Amino acid sequence: MSKFCANGHQMEDSWELCPFCQKTGYAGAPPPSSKTRVETATAPVASPVTVPPPSRKTVLLSEQHRAPVVGWLVAMSGAQKGQDFRIRDGQNILGSAADADVQLHDPTVSAKHASLRYKDGKFYLVDLDSSNGTFLNDGATAIAREELKDNDVIRAGELVLKFKCL
């Protein structure tokens, strides 16, 4: 037999609360607002009791297990000038791809442009075979892999980023 809430929403027999209006259900035919109703000699149904939702917030697994912040990158040029990006323990991918850890909105930045890794108390910047190269400080030659120090300046394509460590 179908189960309906006090407002006439059909519910599964195992549900205690209506997912639409959060009212308890009752077994039997829907309330008088339905198309057809059969009169029977039964006791009147008591008004539904509303149960308050539990007072807790679900924590996303992705937020619960995130690595700690160990540094920042700050955009010094381009459309994102002034925006800061958190650098977390482990590998951080810099690029224009939607899944990059540090998403850079610049047409001169490759999808997966560079990797910034924090390991054993040191930061390493690695170019990921980007089209326009990755440069450190005022260097004229693109880097392959370099150790980063606090206040180093990174250039990815035409975008300039300042590195800050904790």
Protein backbone atom coordinates (compact mmCIF):
# COMPACT_ATOMS: atom_id res chain seq x y z
CA MET A 1 0.00 0.00 0.00
CA SER A 2 1.28 3.48 -0.83
CA LYS A 3 2.21 5.99 1.83
CA PHE A 4 1.53 9.74 1.55
CA CYS A 5 2.54 12.76 3.64
CA ALA A 6 -0.04 15.21 4.98
CA ASN A 7 0.39 17.33 1.82
CA GLY A 8 -0.27 14.41 -0.51
CA HIS A 9 3.25 13.61 -1.67
CA GLN A 10 3.73 9.90 -2.32
CA MET A 11 6.49 8.35 -0.19
CA GLU A 12 8.30 5.03 0.07
CA ASP A 13 6.90 2.85 2.86
CA SER A 14 10.26 2.89 4.67
CA TRP A 15 10.51 6.73 4.75
CA GLU A 16 9.56 8.49 7.97
CA LEU A 17 9.72 12.04 6.54
CA CYS A 18 8.54 13.39 3.21
CA PRO A 19 11.58 14.63 1.23
CA PHE A 20 9.50 17.48 -0.23
CA CYS A 21 7.84 19.05 2.80
CA GLN A 22 9.54 17.30 5.75
CA LYS A 23 6.27 16.06 7.23
CA THR A 24 5.61 12.56 8.49
CA GLY A 25 3.63 10.22 6.32
CA TYR A 26 0.68 7.96 6.94
CA ALA A 27 -0.32 4.75 5.29
CA GLY A 28 -3.40 4.73 3.11
CA ALA A 29 -4.98 6.96 0.54
CA PRO A 30 -3.84 10.53 -0.05
CA PRO A 31 -5.61 13.43 1.74
CA PRO A 32 -8.86 14.99 0.48
CA SER A 33 -7.12 17.12 -2.14
CA SER A 34 -6.67 13.99 -4.28
CA LYS A 35 -8.91 12.97 -7.14
CA THR A 36 -10.68 10.09 -5.39
CA ARG A 37 -11.14 9.20 -1.74
CA VAL A 38 -12.90 6.26 -0.14
CA GLU A 39 -14.82 6.98 3.09
CA THR A 40 -14.24 4.45 5.87
CA ALA A 41 -15.27 4.25 9.49
CA THR A 42 -11.83 4.70 11.01
CA ALA A 43 -10.55 6.99 13.69
CA PRO A 44 -9.35 10.36 12.43
CA VAL A 45 -5.66 10.60 11.68
CA ALA A 46 -3.75 12.76 14.14
CA SER A 47 -1.98 15.78 12.76
CA PRO A 48 1.55 14.98 11.65
CA VAL A 49 4.44 15.69 13.99
CA THR A 50 7.33 17.57 12.48
CA VAL A 51 10.71 16.26 13.44
CA PRO A 52 13.48 18.88 13.45
CA PRO A 53 16.46 17.95 11.27
CA PRO A 54 19.59 16.95 13.13
CA SER A 55 21.86 19.89 13.89
CA ARG A 56 25.06 18.78 12.20
CA LYS A 57 26.92 19.66 9.03
CA THR A 58 28.42 17.08 6.73
CA VAL A 59 32.13 17.59 6.10
CA LEU A 60 33.33 16.79 2.59
CA LEU A 61 36.03 14.13 2.44
CA SER A 62 38.05 16.29 0.06
CA GLU A 63 38.18 19.07 2.70
CA GLN A 64 38.86 16.75 5.61
CA HIS A 65 41.93 15.12 4.07
CA ARG A 66 43.53 18.13 2.39
CA ALA A 67 47.23 18.61 2.95
CA PRO A 68 48.27 21.60 5.08
CA VAL A 69 49.10 24.96 3.48
CA VAL A 70 52.88 25.48 3.27
CA GLY A 71 53.07 28.60 1.09
CA TRP A 72 51.40 30.96 -1.35
CA LEU A 73 51.73 32.27 -4.86
CA VAL A 74 50.51 35.80 -5.57
CA ALA A 75 49.73 36.95 -9.13
CA MET A 76 51.69 40.12 -9.83
CA SER A 77 50.38 40.66 -13.38
CA GLY A 78 47.59 39.66 -15.73
CA ALA A 79 43.84 39.35 -15.20
CA GLN A 80 44.35 37.68 -11.82
CA LYS A 81 46.69 40.38 -10.44
CA GLY A 82 46.52 40.41 -6.63
CA GLN A 83 44.91 36.97 -6.36
CA ASP A 84 46.69 34.52 -4.09
CA PHE A 85 46.89 30.74 -4.44
CA ARG A 86 47.54 28.31 -1.60
CA ILE A 87 50.41 25.88 -1.95
CA ARG A 88 49.84 22.61 -0.10
CA ASP A 89 52.20 19.91 1.07
CA GLY A 90 53.08 17.59 -1.84
CA GLN A 91 52.66 18.38 -5.54
CA ASN A 92 50.79 21.45 -6.82
CA ILE A 93 50.16 21.72 -10.59
CA LEU A 94 50.22 25.24 -12.07
CA GLY A 95 48.35 25.68 -15.34
CA SER A 96 45.29 26.77 -17.25
CA ALA A 97 43.50 23.39 -17.00
CA ALA A 98 40.30 23.22 -14.95
CA ASP A 99 41.81 20.53 -12.71
CA ALA A 100 45.08 22.42 -12.01
CA ASP A 101 45.75 23.07 -8.32
CA VAL A 102 46.77 26.64 -9.18
CA GLN A 103 44.48 27.59 -12.07
CA LEU A 104 45.94 30.45 -14.10
CA HIS A 105 43.68 32.26 -16.58
CA ASP A 106 46.19 33.37 -19.19
CA PRO A 107 46.43 32.28 -22.85
CA THR A 108 50.25 32.03 -22.62
CA VAL A 109 50.07 29.42 -19.82
CA SER A 110 49.93 25.73 -20.77
CA ALA A 111 47.23 23.44 -19.39
CA LYS A 112 49.79 21.75 -17.11
CA HIS A 113 52.54 24.34 -17.16
CA ALA A 114 54.65 23.60 -14.07
CA SER A 115 54.74 21.66 -10.83
CA LEU A 116 55.55 23.19 -7.46
CA ARG A 117 56.41 20.47 -4.95
CA TYR A 118 57.01 20.77 -1.21
CA LYS A 119 58.99 17.86 0.19
CA ASP A 120 61.23 17.52 3.23
CA GLY A 121 61.07 21.24 4.03
CA LYS A 122 62.10 22.36 0.53
CA PHE A 123 60.19 23.75 -2.45
CA TYR A 124 60.97 22.66 -6.01
CA LEU A 125 59.65 24.20 -9.24
CA VAL A 126 59.61 21.91 -12.29
CA ASP A 127 58.59 22.93 -15.82
CA LEU A 128 56.20 20.33 -17.31
CA ASP A 129 57.34 20.81 -20.94
CA SER A 130 55.27 23.96 -21.27
CA SER A 131 55.07 25.74 -24.62
CA ASN A 132 56.37 29.12 -23.36
CA GLY A 133 58.65 27.90 -20.58
CA THR A 134 58.93 28.64 -16.86
CA PHE A 135 61.40 31.27 -15.65
CA LEU A 136 62.72 32.05 -12.17
CA ASN A 137 63.50 35.58 -10.94
CA ASP A 138 65.14 37.62 -13.75
CA GLY A 139 66.58 34.59 -15.54
CA ALA A 140 66.59 34.68 -19.32
CA THR A 141 66.76 30.89 -19.65
CA ALA A 142 63.79 28.64 -18.99
CA ILE A 143 64.27 26.31 -16.02
CA ALA A 144 63.83 22.55 -15.94
CA ARG A 145 63.96 22.08 -12.15
CA GLU A 146 64.97 24.61 -9.50
CA GLU A 147 64.71 24.93 -5.73
CA LEU A 148 62.54 27.88 -4.66
CA LYS A 149 63.31 30.34 -1.89
CA ASP A 150 60.96 32.81 -0.17
CA ASN A 151 60.18 35.87 -2.36
CA ASP A 152 61.29 34.20 -5.62
CA VAL A 153 59.47 35.47 -8.73
CA ILE A 154 58.12 32.90 -11.18
CA ARG A 155 57.17 33.73 -14.77
CA ALA A 156 54.85 31.27 -16.51
CA GLY A 157 54.21 32.49 -20.06
CA GLU A 158 53.53 36.21 -19.56
CA LEU A 159 52.11 35.78 -16.06
CA VAL A 160 54.31 36.81 -13.11
CA LEU A 161 53.83 35.16 -9.68
CA LYS A 162 55.56 35.87 -6.38
CA PHE A 163 56.30 32.91 -4.11
CA LYS A 164 55.91 33.11 -0.31
CA CYS A 165 56.69 30.20 1.99
CA LEU A 166 55.67 29.67 5.61
